[in-house]
Amino acid sequence: MDKVLKSGTGWRIGWNPAGEYQGLVGGDDWAFELTSTELADFCRLLGQLVDNMRSIQAELMDEESIDCEAESELIWMQVSGLPSKYNLRLILNTGRSCEGNWAAEILPELITAVDSVKFF
């Protein structure tokens, strides 16, 4: 598979099959590399969080916000906000001390990019 880099206002996600770190996630002014396993967990956990927020939406009042977390051995992620508009926070659990976040306005494009690109 060739290199892939998708980006938009406030987000980046990429794949380069060469080297120790094949994945990349980032915002406009930050980024960090991920192993292929970390990137796979990121994509999987993001999908779980999106599904959870969609399923919770019908049970909450319009102005009610919520925090929802998902975690693997490698990554901790949290969405926070209204089920229709929420922020995403990411922390690596692998000892590299990386942390990132995306604002609610940015997240729909990132989710679409993750859904549309198969990195592995």
PDB file of N, CA and C in Angstrom:
ATOM      1  N   MET A   1       0.842  -1.181   0.000  1.00  0.00           N
ATOM      2  CA  MET A   1       0.000   0.000   0.000  1.00  0.00           C
ATOM      3  C   MET A   1       0.886   1.244   0.000  1.00  0.00           C
ATOM      4  N   ASP A   2       0.452   2.258  -0.698  1.00  0.00           N
ATOM      5  CA  ASP A   2       1.186   3.510  -0.791  1.00  0.00           C
ATOM      6  C   ASP A   2       0.918   4.398   0.422  1.00  0.00           C
ATOM      7  N   LYS A   3       1.701   5.460   0.500  1.00  0.00           N
ATOM      8  CA  LYS A   3       1.489   6.478   1.529  1.00  0.00           C
ATOM      9  C   LYS A   3       0.119   7.123   1.338  1.00  0.00           C
ATOM     10  N   VAL A   4      -0.514   7.452   2.464  1.00  0.00           N
ATOM     11  CA  VAL A   4      -1.796   8.141   2.443  1.00  0.00           C
ATOM     12  C   VAL A   4      -1.726   9.267   3.455  1.00  0.00           C
ATOM     13  N   LEU A   5      -2.128  10.462   3.063  1.00  0.00           N
ATOM     14  CA  LEU A   5      -2.262  11.575   4.007  1.00  0.00           C
ATOM     15  C   LEU A   5      -3.544  12.309   3.674  1.00  0.00           C
ATOM     16  N   LYS A   6      -4.463  12.284   4.613  1.00  0.00           N
ATOM     17  CA  LYS A   6      -5.718  13.018   4.486  1.00  0.00           C
ATOM     18  C   LYS A   6      -5.654  14.168   5.473  1.00  0.00           C
ATOM     19  N   SER A   7      -6.144  15.328   5.067  1.00  0.00           N
ATOM     20  CA  SER A   7      -6.135  16.469   5.980  1.00  0.00           C
ATOM     21  C   SER A   7      -7.261  17.428   5.634  1.00  0.00           C
ATOM     22  N   GLY A   8      -7.618  18.202   6.614  1.00  0.00           N
ATOM     23  CA  GLY A   8      -8.629  19.240   6.458  1.00  0.00           C
ATOM     24  C   GLY A   8      -8.349  20.307   7.499  1.00  0.00           C
ATOM     25  N   THR A   9      -9.261  21.220   7.649  1.00  0.00           N
ATOM     26  CA  THR A   9      -9.084  22.279   8.633  1.00  0.00           C
ATOM     27  C   THR A   9      -9.098  21.681  10.031  1.00  0.00           C
ATOM     28  N   GLY A  10      -7.951  21.693  10.686  1.00  0.00           N
ATOM     29  CA  GLY A  10      -7.856  21.230  12.064  1.00  0.00           C
ATOM     30  C   GLY A  10      -7.579  19.761  12.269  1.00  0.00           C
ATOM     31  N   TRP A  11      -7.362  18.993  11.212  1.00  0.00           N
ATOM     32  CA  TRP A  11      -7.106  17.561  11.395  1.00  0.00           C
ATOM     33  C   TRP A  11      -6.189  17.022  10.295  1.00  0.00           C
ATOM     34  N   ARG A  12      -5.484  15.945  10.652  1.00  0.00           N
ATOM     35  CA  ARG A  12      -4.645  15.175   9.731  1.00  0.00           C
ATOM     36  C   ARG A  12      -4.673  13.720  10.167  1.00  0.00           C
ATOM     37  N   ILE A  13      -4.636  12.829   9.210  1.00  0.00           N
ATOM     38  CA  ILE A  13      -4.459  11.409   9.492  1.00  0.00           C
ATOM     39  C   ILE A  13      -3.702  10.810   8.313  1.00  0.00           C
ATOM     40  N   GLY A  14      -2.727   9.967   8.616  1.00  0.00           N
ATOM     41  CA  GLY A  14      -1.911   9.434   7.540  1.00  0.00           C
ATOM     42  C   GLY A  14      -1.393   8.041   7.802  1.00  0.00           C
ATOM     43  N   TRP A  15      -0.859   7.462   6.731  1.00  0.00           N
ATOM     44  CA  TRP A  15      -0.307   6.108   6.756  1.00  0.00           C
ATOM     45  C   TRP A  15       0.904   6.069   5.846  1.00  0.00           C
ATOM     46  N   ASN A  16       1.994   5.525   6.359  1.00  0.00           N
ATOM     47  CA  ASN A  16       3.193   5.285   5.574  1.00  0.00           C
ATOM     48  C   ASN A  16       3.704   3.907   5.993  1.00  0.00           C
ATOM     49  N   PRO A  17       3.621   2.913   5.127  1.00  0.00           N
ATOM     50  CA  PRO A  17       3.945   1.549   5.529  1.00  0.00           C
ATOM     51  C   PRO A  17       5.412   1.319   5.906  1.00  0.00           C
ATOM     52  N   ALA A  18       6.288   2.271   5.632  1.00  0.00           N
ATOM     53  CA  ALA A  18       7.706   2.106   5.960  1.00  0.00           C
ATOM     54  C   ALA A  18       7.995   2.639   7.363  1.00  0.00           C
ATOM     55  N   GLY A  19       8.919   2.001   8.054  1.00  0.00           N
ATOM     56  CA  GLY A  19       9.392   2.517   9.326  1.00  0.00           C
ATOM     57  C   GLY A  19       8.677   1.959  10.538  1.00  0.00           C
ATOM     58  N   GLU A  20       9.141   2.377  11.706  1.00  0.00           N
ATOM     59  CA  GLU A  20       8.591   1.901  12.980  1.00  0.00           C
ATOM     60  C   GLU A  20       7.192   2.434  13.230  1.00  0.00           C
ATOM     61  N   TYR A  21       6.953   3.686  12.857  1.00  0.00           N
ATOM     62  CA  TYR A  21       5.656   4.330  13.054  1.00  0.00           C
ATOM     63  C   TYR A  21       5.006   4.545  11.693  1.00  0.00           C
ATOM     64  N   GLN A  22       3.940   3.816  11.436  1.00  0.00           N
ATOM     65  CA  GLN A  22       3.295   3.883  10.133  1.00  0.00           C
ATOM     66  C   GLN A  22       2.152   4.901  10.092  1.00  0.00           C
ATOM     67  N   GLY A  23       1.571   5.225  11.239  1.00  0.00           N
ATOM     68  CA  GLY A  23       0.416   6.102  11.283  1.00  0.00           C
ATOM     69  C   GLY A  23       0.761   7.504  11.737  1.00  0.00           C
ATOM     70  N   LEU A  24      -0.150   8.428  11.465  1.00  0.00           N
ATOM     71  CA  LEU A  24      -0.009   9.811  11.899  1.00  0.00           C
ATOM     72  C   LEU A  24      -1.397  10.344  12.205  1.00  0.00           C
ATOM     73  N   VAL A  25      -1.536  11.022  13.334  1.00  0.00           N
ATOM     74  CA  VAL A  25      -2.749  11.775  13.650  1.00  0.00           C
ATOM     75  C   VAL A  25      -2.320  13.162  14.089  1.00  0.00           C
ATOM     76  N   GLY A  26      -3.159  14.143  13.833  1.00  0.00           N
ATOM     77  CA  GLY A  26      -2.787  15.481  14.240  1.00  0.00           C
ATOM     78  C   GLY A  26      -3.855  16.509  13.976  1.00  0.00           C
ATOM     79  N   GLY A  27      -3.530  17.723  14.390  1.00  0.00           N
ATOM     80  CA  GLY A  27      -4.351  18.898  14.160  1.00  0.00           C
ATOM     81  C   GLY A  27      -3.568  19.875  13.310  1.00  0.00           C
ATOM     82  N   ASP A  28      -3.972  21.140  13.327  1.00  0.00           N
ATOM     83  CA  ASP A  28      -3.258  22.158  12.558  1.00  0.00           C
ATOM     84  C   ASP A  28      -1.848  22.393  13.076  1.00  0.00           C
ATOM     85  N   ASP A  29      -1.679  22.378  14.404  1.00  0.00           N
ATOM     86  CA  ASP A  29      -0.386  22.742  14.989  1.00  0.00           C
ATOM     87  C   ASP A  29       0.214  21.663  15.882  1.00  0.00           C
ATOM     88  N   TRP A  30      -0.228  20.430  15.721  1.00  0.00           N
ATOM     89  CA  TRP A  30       0.346  19.311  16.467  1.00  0.00           C
ATOM     90  C   TRP A  30       0.134  18.024  15.665  1.00  0.00           C
ATOM     91  N   ALA A  31       0.989  17.056  15.910  1.00  0.00           N
ATOM     92  CA  ALA A  31       0.852  15.731  15.301  1.00  0.00           C
ATOM     93  C   ALA A  31       1.771  14.774  16.027  1.00  0.00           C
ATOM     94  N   PHE A  32       1.420  13.502  16.001  1.00  0.00           N
ATOM     95  CA  PHE A  32       2.347  12.477  16.462  1.00  0.00           C
ATOM     96  C   PHE A  32       2.117  11.204  15.677  1.00  0.00           C
ATOM     97  N   GLU A  33       3.189  10.424  15.623  1.00  0.00           N
ATOM     98  CA  GLU A  33       3.169   9.184  14.865  1.00  0.00           C
ATOM     99  C   GLU A  33       2.644   8.046  15.730  1.00  0.00           C
ATOM    100  N   LEU A  34       2.040   7.062  15.053  1.00  0.00           N
ATOM    101  CA  LEU A  34       1.492   5.886  15.709  1.00  0.00           C
ATOM    102  C   LEU A  34       2.019   4.630  15.029  1.00  0.00           C
ATOM    103  N   THR A  35       2.158   3.566  15.792  1.00  0.00           N
ATOM    104  CA  THR A  35       2.442   2.271  15.173  1.00  0.00           C
ATOM    105  C   THR A  35       1.183   1.816  14.439  1.00  0.00           C
ATOM    106  N   SER A  36       1.309   0.807  13.610  1.00  0.00           N
ATOM    107  CA  SER A  36       0.135   0.310  12.894  1.00  0.00           C
ATOM    108  C   SER A  36      -0.928  -0.206  13.868  1.00  0.00           C
ATOM    109  N   THR A  37      -0.508  -0.819  14.967  1.00  0.00           N
ATOM    110  CA  THR A  37      -1.447  -1.317  15.972  1.00  0.00           C
ATOM    111  C   THR A  37      -2.139  -0.166  16.694  1.00  0.00           C
ATOM    112  N   GLU A  38      -1.396   0.890  17.003  1.00  0.00           N
ATOM    113  CA  GLU A  38      -1.997   2.067  17.631  1.00  0.00           C
ATOM    114  C   GLU A  38      -3.008   2.724  16.697  1.00  0.00           C
ATOM    115  N   LEU A  39      -2.665   2.832  15.413  1.00  0.00           N
ATOM    116  CA  LEU A  39      -3.584   3.430  14.447  1.00  0.00           C
ATOM    117  C   LEU A  39      -4.841   2.573  14.308  1.00  0.00           C
ATOM    118  N   ALA A  40      -4.683   1.261  14.293  1.00  0.00           N
ATOM    119  CA  ALA A  40      -5.839   0.368  14.219  1.00  0.00           C
ATOM    120  C   ALA A  40      -6.741   0.565  15.438  1.00  0.00           C
ATOM    121  N   ASP A  41      -6.143   0.666  16.626  1.00  0.00           N
ATOM    122  CA  ASP A  41      -6.925   0.917  17.839  1.00  0.00           C
ATOM    123  C   ASP A  41      -7.615   2.272  17.773  1.00  0.00           C
ATOM    124  N   PHE A  42      -6.911   3.300  17.293  1.00  0.00           N
ATOM    125  CA  PHE A  42      -7.508   4.622  17.155  1.00  0.00           C
ATOM    126  C   PHE A  42      -8.763   4.545  16.281  1.00  0.00           C
ATOM    127  N   CYS A  43      -8.648   3.930  15.121  1.00  0.00           N
ATOM    128  CA  CYS A  43      -9.782   3.831  14.201  1.00  0.00           C
ATOM    129  C   CYS A  43     -10.930   3.028  14.817  1.00  0.00           C
ATOM    130  N   ARG A  44     -10.609   1.916  15.455  1.00  0.00           N
ATOM    131  CA  ARG A  44     -11.632   1.052  16.067  1.00  0.00           C
ATOM    132  C   ARG A  44     -12.337   1.775  17.216  1.00  0.00           C
ATOM    133  N   LEU A  45     -11.554   2.394  18.115  1.00  0.00           N
ATOM    134  CA  LEU A  45     -12.138   3.079  19.265  1.00  0.00           C
ATOM    135  C   LEU A  45     -12.947   4.296  18.839  1.00  0.00           C
ATOM    136  N   LEU A  46     -12.489   5.018  17.821  1.00  0.00           N
ATOM    137  CA  LEU A  46     -13.255   6.151  17.316  1.00  0.00           C
ATOM    138  C   LEU A  46     -14.615   5.669  16.810  1.00  0.00           C
ATOM    139  N   GLY A  47     -14.636   4.584  16.073  1.00  0.00           N
ATOM    140  CA  GLY A  47     -15.899   4.021  15.600  1.00  0.00           C
ATOM    141  C   GLY A  47     -16.827   3.640  16.739  1.00  0.00           C
ATOM    142  N   GLN A  48     -16.271   3.044  17.791  1.00  0.00           N
ATOM    143  CA  GLN A  48     -17.086   2.682  18.959  1.00  0.00           C
ATOM    144  C   GLN A  48     -17.677   3.918  19.626  1.00  0.00           C
ATOM    145  N   LEU A  49     -16.863   4.955  19.782  1.00  0.00           N
ATOM    146  CA  LEU A  49     -17.343   6.179  20.418  1.00  0.00           C
ATOM    147  C   LEU A  49     -18.426   6.859  19.587  1.00  0.00           C
ATOM    148  N   VAL A  50     -18.237   6.921  18.293  1.00  0.00           N
ATOM    149  CA  VAL A  50     -19.242   7.513  17.408  1.00  0.00           C
ATOM    150  C   VAL A  50     -20.550   6.725  17.505  1.00  0.00           C
ATOM    151  N   ASP A  51     -20.466   5.408  17.459  1.00  0.00           N
ATOM    152  CA  ASP A  51     -21.665   4.571  17.583  1.00  0.00           C
ATOM    153  C   ASP A  51     -22.355   4.795  18.925  1.00  0.00           C
ATOM    154  N   ASN A  52     -21.564   4.882  20.003  1.00  0.00           N
ATOM    155  CA  ASN A  52     -22.141   5.118  21.332  1.00  0.00           C
ATOM    156  C   ASN A  52     -22.869   6.449  21.392  1.00  0.00           C
ATOM    157  N   MET A  53     -22.261   7.497  20.849  1.00  0.00           N
ATOM    158  CA  MET A  53     -22.892   8.813  20.885  1.00  0.00           C
ATOM    159  C   MET A  53     -24.179   8.816  20.054  1.00  0.00           C
ATOM    160  N   ARG A  54     -24.192   8.140  18.942  1.00  0.00           N
ATOM    161  CA  ARG A  54     -25.415   8.059  18.123  1.00  0.00           C
ATOM    162  C   ARG A  54     -26.520   7.322  18.872  1.00  0.00           C
ATOM    163  N   SER A  55     -26.176   6.231  19.544  1.00  0.00           N
ATOM    164  CA  SER A  55     -27.200   5.456  20.249  1.00  0.00           C
ATOM    165  C   SER A  55     -27.708   6.175  21.498  1.00  0.00           C
ATOM    166  N   ILE A  56     -26.875   6.973  22.126  1.00  0.00           N
ATOM    167  CA  ILE A  56     -27.263   7.708  23.328  1.00  0.00           C
ATOM    168  C   ILE A  56     -28.130   8.916  22.991  1.00  0.00           C
ATOM    169  N   GLN A  57     -27.996   9.448  21.806  1.00  0.00           N
ATOM    170  CA  GLN A  57     -28.660  10.695  21.422  1.00  0.00           C
ATOM    171  C   GLN A  57     -30.163  10.670  21.685  1.00  0.00           C
ATOM    172  N   ALA A  58     -30.826   9.570  21.403  1.00  0.00           N
ATOM    173  CA  ALA A  58     -32.275   9.481  21.575  1.00  0.00           C
ATOM    174  C   ALA A  58     -32.682   9.486  23.053  1.00  0.00           C
ATOM    175  N   GLU A  59     -31.769   9.160  23.942  1.00  0.00           N
ATOM    176  CA  GLU A  59     -32.084   9.055  25.368  1.00  0.00           C
ATOM    177  C   GLU A  59     -31.834  10.336  26.152  1.00  0.00           C
ATOM    178  N   LEU A  60     -31.199  11.325  25.534  1.00  0.00           N
ATOM    179  CA  LEU A  60     -30.857  12.556  26.239  1.00  0.00           C
ATOM    180  C   LEU A  60     -31.695  13.729  25.750  1.00  0.00           C
ATOM    181  N   MET A  61     -31.846  14.719  26.610  1.00  0.00           N
ATOM    182  CA  MET A  61     -32.491  15.963  26.197  1.00  0.00           C
ATOM    183  C   MET A  61     -31.535  16.709  25.277  1.00  0.00           C
ATOM    184  N   ASP A  62     -32.062  17.601  24.439  1.00  0.00           N
ATOM    185  CA  ASP A  62     -31.272  18.300  23.421  1.00  0.00           C
ATOM    186  C   ASP A  62     -30.052  19.006  23.984  1.00  0.00           C
ATOM    187  N   GLU A  63     -30.165  19.619  25.159  1.00  0.00           N
ATOM    188  CA  GLU A  63     -29.060  20.394  25.729  1.00  0.00           C
ATOM    189  C   GLU A  63     -28.188  19.596  26.702  1.00  0.00           C
ATOM    190  N   GLU A  64     -28.477  18.326  26.858  1.00  0.00           N
ATOM    191  CA  GLU A  64     -27.742  17.492  27.806  1.00  0.00           C
ATOM    192  C   GLU A  64     -26.433  16.990  27.188  1.00  0.00           C
ATOM    193  N   SER A  65     -25.309  17.266  27.862  1.00  0.00           N
ATOM    194  CA  SER A  65     -24.018  16.803  27.356  1.00  0.00           C
ATOM    195  C   SER A  65     -23.584  15.563  28.122  1.00  0.00           C
ATOM    196  N   ILE A  66     -22.612  14.861  27.532  1.00  0.00           N
ATOM    197  CA  ILE A  66     -22.164  13.597  28.104  1.00  0.00           C
ATOM    198  C   ILE A  66     -20.693  13.385  27.766  1.00  0.00           C
ATOM    199  N   ASP A  67     -20.005  12.632  28.602  1.00  0.00           N
ATOM    200  CA  ASP A  67     -18.646  12.166  28.335  1.00  0.00           C
ATOM    201  C   ASP A  67     -18.713  10.662  28.134  1.00  0.00           C
ATOM    202  N   CYS A  68     -17.988  10.182  27.151  1.00  0.00           N
ATOM    203  CA  CYS A  68     -17.948   8.751  26.869  1.00  0.00           C
ATOM    204  C   CYS A  68     -16.497   8.380  26.575  1.00  0.00           C
ATOM    205  N   GLU A  69     -16.017   7.315  27.211  1.00  0.00           N
ATOM    206  CA  GLU A  69     -14.623   6.892  27.060  1.00  0.00           C
ATOM    207  C   GLU A  69     -14.536   5.514  26.421  1.00  0.00           C
ATOM    208  N   ALA A  70     -13.428   5.287  25.739  1.00  0.00           N
ATOM    209  CA  ALA A  70     -13.078   3.968  25.209  1.00  0.00           C
ATOM    210  C   ALA A  70     -11.567   3.824  25.358  1.00  0.00           C
ATOM    211  N   GLU A  71     -11.105   2.606  25.624  1.00  0.00           N
ATOM    212  CA  GLU A  71      -9.685   2.423  25.897  1.00  0.00           C
ATOM    213  C   GLU A  71      -9.231   1.040  25.450  1.00  0.00           C
ATOM    214  N   SER A  72      -7.987   0.993  24.992  1.00  0.00           N
ATOM    215  CA  SER A  72      -7.300  -0.275  24.751  1.00  0.00           C
ATOM    216  C   SER A  72      -6.034  -0.241  25.600  1.00  0.00           C
ATOM    217  N   GLU A  73      -5.212  -1.247  25.464  1.00  0.00           N
ATOM    218  CA  GLU A  73      -3.923  -1.229  26.173  1.00  0.00           C
ATOM    219  C   GLU A  73      -3.028  -0.116  25.658  1.00  0.00           C
ATOM    220  N   LEU A  74      -3.286   0.357  24.441  1.00  0.00           N
ATOM    221  CA  LEU A  74      -2.408   1.327  23.790  1.00  0.00           C
ATOM    222  C   LEU A  74      -2.919   2.759  23.831  1.00  0.00           C
ATOM    223  N   ILE A  75      -4.239   2.949  23.815  1.00  0.00           N
ATOM    224  CA  ILE A  75      -4.829   4.278  23.634  1.00  0.00           C
ATOM    225  C   ILE A  75      -6.035   4.458  24.538  1.00  0.00           C
ATOM    226  N   TRP A  76      -6.170   5.668  25.080  1.00  0.00           N
ATOM    227  CA  TRP A  76      -7.370   6.098  25.788  1.00  0.00           C
ATOM    228  C   TRP A  76      -7.993   7.232  24.982  1.00  0.00           C
ATOM    229  N   MET A  77      -9.313   7.163  24.786  1.00  0.00           N
ATOM    230  CA  MET A  77     -10.004   8.201  24.024  1.00  0.00           C
ATOM    231  C   MET A  77     -11.281   8.595  24.756  1.00  0.00           C
ATOM    232  N   GLN A  78     -11.659   9.863  24.600  1.00  0.00           N
ATOM    233  CA  GLN A  78     -12.874  10.363  25.222  1.00  0.00           C
ATOM    234  C   GLN A  78     -13.560  11.348  24.280  1.00  0.00           C
ATOM    235  N   VAL A  79     -14.866  11.207  24.145  1.00  0.00           N
ATOM    236  CA  VAL A  79     -15.671  12.225  23.493  1.00  0.00           C
ATOM    237  C   VAL A  79     -16.451  12.938  24.578  1.00  0.00           C
ATOM    238  N   SER A  80     -16.646  14.241  24.385  1.00  0.00           N
ATOM    239  CA  SER A  80     -17.287  15.056  25.403  1.00  0.00           C
ATOM    240  C   SER A  80     -18.112  16.140  24.734  1.00  0.00           C
ATOM    241  N   GLY A  81     -19.373  16.240  25.127  1.00  0.00           N
ATOM    242  CA  GLY A  81     -20.241  17.269  24.572  1.00  0.00           C
ATOM    243  C   GLY A  81     -21.632  16.741  24.326  1.00  0.00           C
ATOM    244  N   LEU A  82     -22.341  17.393  23.433  1.00  0.00           N
ATOM    245  CA  LEU A  82     -23.670  16.952  23.039  1.00  0.00           C
ATOM    246  C   LEU A  82     -23.528  15.747  22.116  1.00  0.00           C
ATOM    247  N   PRO A  83     -24.485  14.827  22.135  1.00  0.00           N
ATOM    248  CA  PRO A  83     -24.371  13.673  21.235  1.00  0.00           C
ATOM    249  C   PRO A  83     -24.291  14.046  19.760  1.00  0.00           C
ATOM    250  N   SER A  84     -24.773  15.227  19.403  1.00  0.00           N
ATOM    251  CA  SER A  84     -24.713  15.663  18.006  1.00  0.00           C
ATOM    252  C   SER A  84     -23.490  16.534  17.701  1.00  0.00           C
ATOM    253  N   LYS A  85     -22.747  16.942  18.733  1.00  0.00           N
ATOM    254  CA  LYS A  85     -21.591  17.820  18.541  1.00  0.00           C
ATOM    255  C   LYS A  85     -20.663  17.670  19.746  1.00  0.00           C
ATOM    256  N   TYR A  86     -19.539  16.966  19.537  1.00  0.00           N
ATOM    257  CA  TYR A  86     -18.665  16.648  20.662  1.00  0.00           C
ATOM    258  C   TYR A  86     -17.197  16.733  20.273  1.00  0.00           C
ATOM    259  N   ASN A  87     -16.363  16.929  21.284  1.00  0.00           N
ATOM    260  CA  ASN A  87     -14.905  16.970  21.142  1.00  0.00           C
ATOM    261  C   ASN A  87     -14.342  15.568  21.300  1.00  0.00           C
ATOM    262  N   LEU A  88     -13.145  15.360  20.793  1.00  0.00           N
ATOM    263  CA  LEU A  88     -12.439  14.086  20.952  1.00  0.00           C
ATOM    264  C   LEU A  88     -11.072  14.348  21.559  1.00  0.00           C
ATOM    265  N   ARG A  89     -10.734  13.561  22.553  1.00  0.00           N
ATOM    266  CA  ARG A  89      -9.421  13.637  23.202  1.00  0.00           C
ATOM    267  C   ARG A  89      -8.772  12.263  23.123  1.00  0.00           C
ATOM    268  N   LEU A  90      -7.455  12.251  22.915  1.00  0.00           N
ATOM    269  CA  LEU A  90      -6.688  11.021  22.723  1.00  0.00           C
ATOM    270  C   LEU A  90      -5.418  11.080  23.547  1.00  0.00           C
ATOM    271  N   ILE A  91      -5.121  10.010  24.285  1.00  0.00           N
ATOM    272  CA  ILE A  91      -3.865   9.892  25.028  1.00  0.00           C
ATOM    273  C   ILE A  91      -3.281   8.505  24.740  1.00  0.00           C
ATOM    274  N   LEU A  92      -1.998   8.469  24.389  1.00  0.00           N
ATOM    275  CA  LEU A  92      -1.328   7.180  24.207  1.00  0.00           C
ATOM    276  C   LEU A  92      -0.966   6.603  25.567  1.00  0.00           C
ATOM    277  N   ASN A  93      -1.185   5.319  25.734  1.00  0.00           N
ATOM    278  CA  ASN A  93      -0.838   4.614  26.964  1.00  0.00           C
ATOM    279  C   ASN A  93       0.493   3.885  26.848  1.00  0.00           C
ATOM    280  N   THR A  94       1.264   4.170  25.807  1.00  0.00           N
ATOM    281  CA  THR A  94       2.452   3.372  25.506  1.00  0.00           C
ATOM    282  C   THR A  94       3.746   3.962  26.043  1.00  0.00           C
ATOM    283  N   GLY A  95       3.680   5.015  26.830  1.00  0.00           N
ATOM    284  CA  GLY A  95       4.890   5.571  27.419  1.00  0.00           C
ATOM    285  C   GLY A  95       5.518   6.698  26.640  1.00  0.00           C
ATOM    286  N   ARG A  96       4.957   7.051  25.482  1.00  0.00           N
ATOM    287  CA  ARG A  96       5.514   8.154  24.699  1.00  0.00           C
ATOM    288  C   ARG A  96       4.941   9.500  25.108  1.00  0.00           C
ATOM    289  N   SER A  97       3.977   9.511  26.014  1.00  0.00           N
ATOM    290  CA  SER A  97       3.397  10.744  26.556  1.00  0.00           C
ATOM    291  C   SER A  97       2.843  11.657  25.474  1.00  0.00           C
ATOM    292  N   CYS A  98       2.046  11.118  24.587  1.00  0.00           N
ATOM    293  CA  CYS A  98       1.417  11.906  23.528  1.00  0.00           C
ATOM    294  C   CYS A  98      -0.047  12.128  23.861  1.00  0.00           C
ATOM    295  N   GLU A  99      -0.508  13.333  23.602  1.00  0.00           N
ATOM    296  CA  GLU A  99      -1.899  13.680  23.835  1.00  0.00           C
ATOM    297  C   GLU A  99      -2.358  14.636  22.739  1.00  0.00           C
ATOM    298  N   GLY A 100      -3.576  14.450  22.274  1.00  0.00           N
ATOM    299  CA  GLY A 100      -4.122  15.335  21.258  1.00  0.00           C
ATOM    300  C   GLY A 100      -5.614  15.466  21.406  1.00  0.00           C
ATOM    301  N   ASN A 101      -6.179  16.467  20.736  1.00  0.00           N
ATOM    302  CA  ASN A 101      -7.627  16.635  20.771  1.00  0.00           C
ATOM    303  C   ASN A 101      -8.104  17.357  19.522  1.00  0.00           C
ATOM    304  N   TRP A 102      -9.370  17.150  19.225  1.00  0.00           N
ATOM    305  CA  TRP A 102     -10.022  17.794  18.102  1.00  0.00           C
ATOM    306  C   TRP A 102     -11.319  18.412  18.602  1.00  0.00           C
ATOM    307  N   ALA A 103     -11.600  19.631  18.173  1.00  0.00           N
ATOM    308  CA  ALA A 103     -12.817  20.339  18.548  1.00  0.00           C
ATOM    309  C   ALA A 103     -14.023  19.747  17.809  1.00  0.00           C
ATOM    310  N   ALA A 104     -15.180  20.002  18.371  1.00  0.00           N
ATOM    311  CA  ALA A 104     -16.422  19.458  17.816  1.00  0.00           C
ATOM    312  C   ALA A 104     -16.641  19.859  16.362  1.00  0.00           C
ATOM    313  N   GLU A 105     -16.233  21.052  15.984  1.00  0.00           N
ATOM    314  CA  GLU A 105     -16.437  21.523  14.617  1.00  0.00           C
ATOM    315  C   GLU A 105     -15.584  20.751  13.612  1.00  0.00           C
ATOM    316  N   ILE A 106     -14.491  20.202  14.074  1.00  0.00           N
ATOM    317  CA  ILE A 106     -13.527  19.507  13.222  1.00  0.00           C
ATOM    318  C   ILE A 106     -13.841  18.016  13.101  1.00  0.00           C
ATOM    319  N   LEU A 107     -14.395  17.455  14.128  1.00  0.00           N
ATOM    320  CA  LEU A 107     -14.542  16.009  14.244  1.00  0.00           C
ATOM    321  C   LEU A 107     -15.338  15.341  13.114  1.00  0.00           C
ATOM    322  N   PRO A 108     -16.436  15.905  12.618  1.00  0.00           N
ATOM    323  CA  PRO A 108     -17.158  15.207  11.535  1.00  0.00           C
ATOM    324  C   PRO A 108     -16.291  14.905  10.309  1.00  0.00           C
ATOM    325  N   GLU A 109     -15.431  15.841   9.918  1.00  0.00           N
ATOM    326  CA  GLU A 109     -14.543  15.591   8.770  1.00  0.00           C
ATOM    327  C   GLU A 109     -13.534  14.497   9.071  1.00  0.00           C
ATOM    328  N   LEU A 110     -12.974  14.501  10.276  1.00  0.00           N
ATOM    329  CA  LEU A 110     -12.018  13.459  10.668  1.00  0.00           C
ATOM    330  C   LEU A 110     -12.687  12.094  10.664  1.00  0.00           C
ATOM    331  N   ILE A 111     -13.888  12.007  11.210  1.00  0.00           N
ATOM    332  CA  ILE A 111     -14.625  10.741  11.241  1.00  0.00           C
ATOM    333  C   ILE A 111     -14.871  10.250   9.819  1.00  0.00           C
ATOM    334  N   THR A 112     -15.286  11.120   8.929  1.00  0.00           N
ATOM    335  CA  THR A 112     -15.513  10.749   7.532  1.00  0.00           C
ATOM    336  C   THR A 112     -14.226  10.242   6.882  1.00  0.00           C
ATOM    337  N   ALA A 113     -13.111  10.914   7.160  1.00  0.00           N
ATOM    338  CA  ALA A 113     -11.826  10.486   6.590  1.00  0.00           C
ATOM    339  C   ALA A 113     -11.432   9.105   7.099  1.00  0.00           C
ATOM    340  N   VAL A 114     -11.583   8.877   8.390  1.00  0.00           N
ATOM    341  CA  VAL A 114     -11.246   7.565   8.966  1.00  0.00           C
ATOM    342  C   VAL A 114     -12.125   6.479   8.357  1.00  0.00           C
ATOM    343  N   ASP A 115     -13.419   6.785   8.192  1.00  0.00           N
ATOM    344  CA  ASP A 115     -14.345   5.810   7.613  1.00  0.00           C
ATOM    345  C   ASP A 115     -14.064   5.510   6.147  1.00  0.00           C
ATOM    346  N   SER A 116     -13.518   6.501   5.425  1.00  0.00           N
ATOM    347  CA  SER A 116     -13.337   6.347   3.980  1.00  0.00           C
ATOM    348  C   SER A 116     -11.995   5.760   3.571  1.00  0.00           C
ATOM    349  N   VAL A 117     -11.033   5.733   4.482  1.00  0.00           N
ATOM    350  CA  VAL A 117      -9.690   5.260   4.141  1.00  0.00           C
ATOM    351  C   VAL A 117      -9.382   3.990   4.935  1.00  0.00           C
ATOM    352  N   LYS A 118      -8.941   2.985   4.230  1.00  0.00           N
ATOM    353  CA  LYS A 118      -8.484   1.756   4.885  1.00  0.00           C
ATOM    354  C   LYS A 118      -6.964   1.777   4.878  1.00  0.00           C
ATOM    355  N   PHE A 119      -6.375   1.833   6.069  1.00  0.00           N
ATOM    356  CA  PHE A 119      -4.932   1.971   6.175  1.00  0.00           C
ATOM    357  C   PHE A 119      -4.202   0.639   6.126  1.00  0.00           C
ATOM    358  N   PHE A 120      -4.899  -0.454   6.364  1.00  0.00           N
ATOM    359  CA  PHE A 120      -4.211  -1.735   6.438  1.00  0.00           C
ATOM    360  C   PHE A 120      -4.915  -2.720   5.527  1.00  0.00           C
TER     361      PHE A 120
END
